[in-house]
Amino acid sequence: MTGRRVHERYHCVLDVTVLHEGSELSAKTDNLSLGGMHLTGDDHPPFGANVEVRFRLPGMKGDSTCAGTVRWIRGDGFGVQFSSLRPIDVWGLNQFFKTLTPME
């Protein structure tokens, strides 16, 4: 990895619900890491917004809901940095990543 990234990113498409101030926005992942996700969708929360993202990882019985912050917005995409992950979500993400190829 190069630059400021701490976690490897993986291209994948998952349906995500973004919860912000009582609203639910639909989005899809473009890429995902233990640090956060790049999302695309018709709408997005404002820069700096605290959000929760809810998604289902393959092989998991329930949804993952993770707190995060919108760190950037570009075109139809935006980046959410996770602020906390439960141990089960870390495990699920790491299991999912084993099926994917890291982005270069």
C-alpha atoms as a PDB file:
ATOM      1  CA  MET A   1       0.000   0.000   0.000  1.00  0.00           C
ATOM      2  CA  THR A   2       1.143   3.522  -0.633  1.00  0.00           C
ATOM      3  CA  GLY A   3       0.139   6.960   0.574  1.00  0.00           C
ATOM      4  CA  ARG A   4      -1.853   7.536   3.751  1.00  0.00           C
ATOM      5  CA  ARG A   5      -3.991   4.389   3.621  1.00  0.00           C
ATOM      6  CA  VAL A   6      -3.697   2.084   6.600  1.00  0.00           C
ATOM      7  CA  HIS A   7      -6.111  -0.627   5.408  1.00  0.00           C
ATOM      8  CA  GLU A   8      -6.207  -2.442   2.081  1.00  0.00           C
ATOM      9  CA  ARG A   9      -9.241  -1.614  -0.046  1.00  0.00           C
ATOM     10  CA  TYR A  10     -11.316  -4.182  -1.910  1.00  0.00           C
ATOM     11  CA  HIS A  11     -13.660  -3.544  -4.812  1.00  0.00           C
ATOM     12  CA  CYS A  12     -17.110  -4.963  -4.059  1.00  0.00           C
ATOM     13  CA  VAL A  13     -20.764  -4.095  -4.512  1.00  0.00           C
ATOM     14  CA  LEU A  14     -22.994  -4.331  -1.440  1.00  0.00           C
ATOM     15  CA  ASP A  15     -26.330  -2.650  -0.763  1.00  0.00           C
ATOM     16  CA  VAL A  16     -25.971  -0.125   2.064  1.00  0.00           C
ATOM     17  CA  THR A  17     -28.478   1.931   4.026  1.00  0.00           C
ATOM     18  CA  VAL A  18     -27.035   5.203   5.316  1.00  0.00           C
ATOM     19  CA  LEU A  19     -28.800   6.546   8.410  1.00  0.00           C
ATOM     20  CA  HIS A  20     -28.472  10.285   9.015  1.00  0.00           C
ATOM     21  CA  GLU A  21     -30.655  12.542  11.181  1.00  0.00           C
ATOM     22  CA  GLY A  22     -33.687  10.250  10.931  1.00  0.00           C
ATOM     23  CA  SER A  23     -33.364   9.741   7.177  1.00  0.00           C
ATOM     24  CA  GLU A  24     -32.429   6.559   5.351  1.00  0.00           C
ATOM     25  CA  LEU A  25     -30.475   6.826   2.110  1.00  0.00           C
ATOM     26  CA  SER A  26     -29.824   3.908  -0.228  1.00  0.00           C
ATOM     27  CA  ALA A  27     -26.322   3.449  -1.601  1.00  0.00           C
ATOM     28  CA  LYS A  28     -23.953   0.797  -2.938  1.00  0.00           C
ATOM     29  CA  THR A  29     -20.349   0.180  -2.059  1.00  0.00           C
ATOM     30  CA  ASP A  30     -17.715   0.737  -4.705  1.00  0.00           C
ATOM     31  CA  ASN A  31     -14.943  -0.340  -2.380  1.00  0.00           C
ATOM     32  CA  LEU A  32     -14.563  -1.359   1.230  1.00  0.00           C
ATOM     33  CA  SER A  33     -11.838  -1.665   3.880  1.00  0.00           C
ATOM     34  CA  LEU A  34     -11.573  -1.998   7.645  1.00  0.00           C
ATOM     35  CA  GLY A  35     -11.275   1.795   7.687  1.00  0.00           C
ATOM     36  CA  GLY A  36     -14.411   2.661   5.750  1.00  0.00           C
ATOM     37  CA  MET A  37     -16.238   2.532   2.438  1.00  0.00           C
ATOM     38  CA  HIS A  38     -16.696   4.431  -0.800  1.00  0.00           C
ATOM     39  CA  LEU A  39     -20.405   4.669  -1.579  1.00  0.00           C
ATOM     40  CA  THR A  40     -22.377   5.692  -4.646  1.00  0.00           C
ATOM     41  CA  GLY A  41     -25.998   6.732  -4.742  1.00  0.00           C
ATOM     42  CA  ASP A  42     -28.498   9.363  -5.774  1.00  0.00           C
ATOM     43  CA  ASP A  43     -28.082  11.348  -2.556  1.00  0.00           C
ATOM     44  CA  HIS A  44     -25.564  11.718   0.241  1.00  0.00           C
ATOM     45  CA  PRO A  45     -25.245  13.263   3.691  1.00  0.00           C
ATOM     46  CA  PRO A  46     -23.203  16.458   4.002  1.00  0.00           C
ATOM     47  CA  PHE A  47     -19.436  16.487   4.488  1.00  0.00           C
ATOM     48  CA  GLY A  48     -18.541  15.864   8.127  1.00  0.00           C
ATOM     49  CA  ALA A  49     -21.896  14.271   8.976  1.00  0.00           C
ATOM     50  CA  ASN A  50     -21.980  11.518  11.573  1.00  0.00           C
ATOM     51  CA  VAL A  51     -23.803   8.550  10.064  1.00  0.00           C
ATOM     52  CA  GLU A  52     -24.521   4.897  10.584  1.00  0.00           C
ATOM     53  CA  VAL A  53     -24.136   2.488   7.689  1.00  0.00           C
ATOM     54  CA  ARG A  54     -26.059  -0.776   7.625  1.00  0.00           C
ATOM     55  CA  PHE A  55     -25.108  -3.607   5.284  1.00  0.00           C
ATOM     56  CA  ARG A  56     -25.118  -7.402   5.068  1.00  0.00           C
ATOM     57  CA  LEU A  57     -21.850  -9.219   4.553  1.00  0.00           C
ATOM     58  CA  PRO A  58     -21.938 -12.564   2.730  1.00  0.00           C
ATOM     59  CA  GLY A  59     -21.929 -15.397   5.234  1.00  0.00           C
ATOM     60  CA  MET A  60     -23.254 -13.291   8.120  1.00  0.00           C
ATOM     61  CA  LYS A  61     -26.676 -13.983   9.643  1.00  0.00           C
ATOM     62  CA  GLY A  62     -27.468 -10.387  10.508  1.00  0.00           C
ATOM     63  CA  ASP A  63     -26.773  -6.883   9.280  1.00  0.00           C
ATOM     64  CA  SER A  64     -23.688  -4.957  10.296  1.00  0.00           C
ATOM     65  CA  THR A  65     -24.369  -1.437  11.559  1.00  0.00           C
ATOM     66  CA  CYS A  66     -21.289   0.759  11.878  1.00  0.00           C
ATOM     67  CA  ALA A  67     -20.874   4.355  13.018  1.00  0.00           C
ATOM     68  CA  GLY A  68     -18.887   6.614  10.748  1.00  0.00           C
ATOM     69  CA  THR A  69     -18.216  10.097   9.405  1.00  0.00           C
ATOM     70  CA  VAL A  70     -18.545  11.411   5.842  1.00  0.00           C
ATOM     71  CA  ARG A  71     -14.947  12.357   4.976  1.00  0.00           C
ATOM     72  CA  TRP A  72     -15.278  13.357   1.317  1.00  0.00           C
ATOM     73  CA  ILE A  73     -17.827  13.886  -1.457  1.00  0.00           C
ATOM     74  CA  ARG A  74     -17.053  13.675  -5.215  1.00  0.00           C
ATOM     75  CA  GLY A  75     -19.612  13.488  -8.021  1.00  0.00           C
ATOM     76  CA  ASP A  76     -22.086  10.726  -7.201  1.00  0.00           C
ATOM     77  CA  GLY A  77     -19.838   9.166  -4.545  1.00  0.00           C
ATOM     78  CA  PHE A  78     -18.833   9.790  -0.962  1.00  0.00           C
ATOM     79  CA  GLY A  79     -16.484   8.267   1.556  1.00  0.00           C
ATOM     80  CA  VAL A  80     -17.436   7.120   5.042  1.00  0.00           C
ATOM     81  CA  GLN A  81     -14.692   6.513   7.598  1.00  0.00           C
ATOM     82  CA  PHE A  82     -15.696   4.014  10.269  1.00  0.00           C
ATOM     83  CA  SER A  83     -15.436   5.334  13.817  1.00  0.00           C
ATOM     84  CA  SER A  84     -16.215   2.009  15.452  1.00  0.00           C
ATOM     85  CA  LEU A  85     -16.575  -1.620  14.423  1.00  0.00           C
ATOM     86  CA  ARG A  86     -17.822  -4.457  16.597  1.00  0.00           C
ATOM     87  CA  PRO A  87     -15.505  -7.481  16.809  1.00  0.00           C
ATOM     88  CA  ILE A  88     -18.050  -9.581  14.875  1.00  0.00           C
ATOM     89  CA  ASP A  89     -18.021  -7.009  12.057  1.00  0.00           C
ATOM     90  CA  VAL A  90     -14.201  -7.019  11.931  1.00  0.00           C
ATOM     91  CA  TRP A  91     -14.304 -10.818  11.730  1.00  0.00           C
ATOM     92  CA  GLY A  92     -16.980 -10.766   9.020  1.00  0.00           C
ATOM     93  CA  LEU A  93     -15.104  -8.171   6.971  1.00  0.00           C
ATOM     94  CA  ASN A  94     -11.852 -10.117   7.206  1.00  0.00           C
ATOM     95  CA  GLN A  95     -13.629 -13.325   6.115  1.00  0.00           C
ATOM     96  CA  PHE A  96     -15.210 -11.464   3.178  1.00  0.00           C
ATOM     97  CA  PHE A  97     -11.870  -9.912   2.178  1.00  0.00           C
ATOM     98  CA  LYS A  98     -10.388 -13.416   1.814  1.00  0.00           C
ATOM     99  CA  THR A  99     -12.723 -13.898  -1.172  1.00  0.00           C
ATOM    100  CA  LEU A 100     -11.699 -10.622  -2.858  1.00  0.00           C
ATOM    101  CA  THR A 101      -8.597  -9.248  -4.574  1.00  0.00           C
ATOM    102  CA  PRO A 102      -7.091  -6.097  -3.005  1.00  0.00           C
ATOM    103  CA  MET A 103      -7.209  -2.940  -5.134  1.00  0.00           C
ATOM    104  CA  GLU A 104      -3.915  -1.581  -6.388  1.00  0.00           C
END
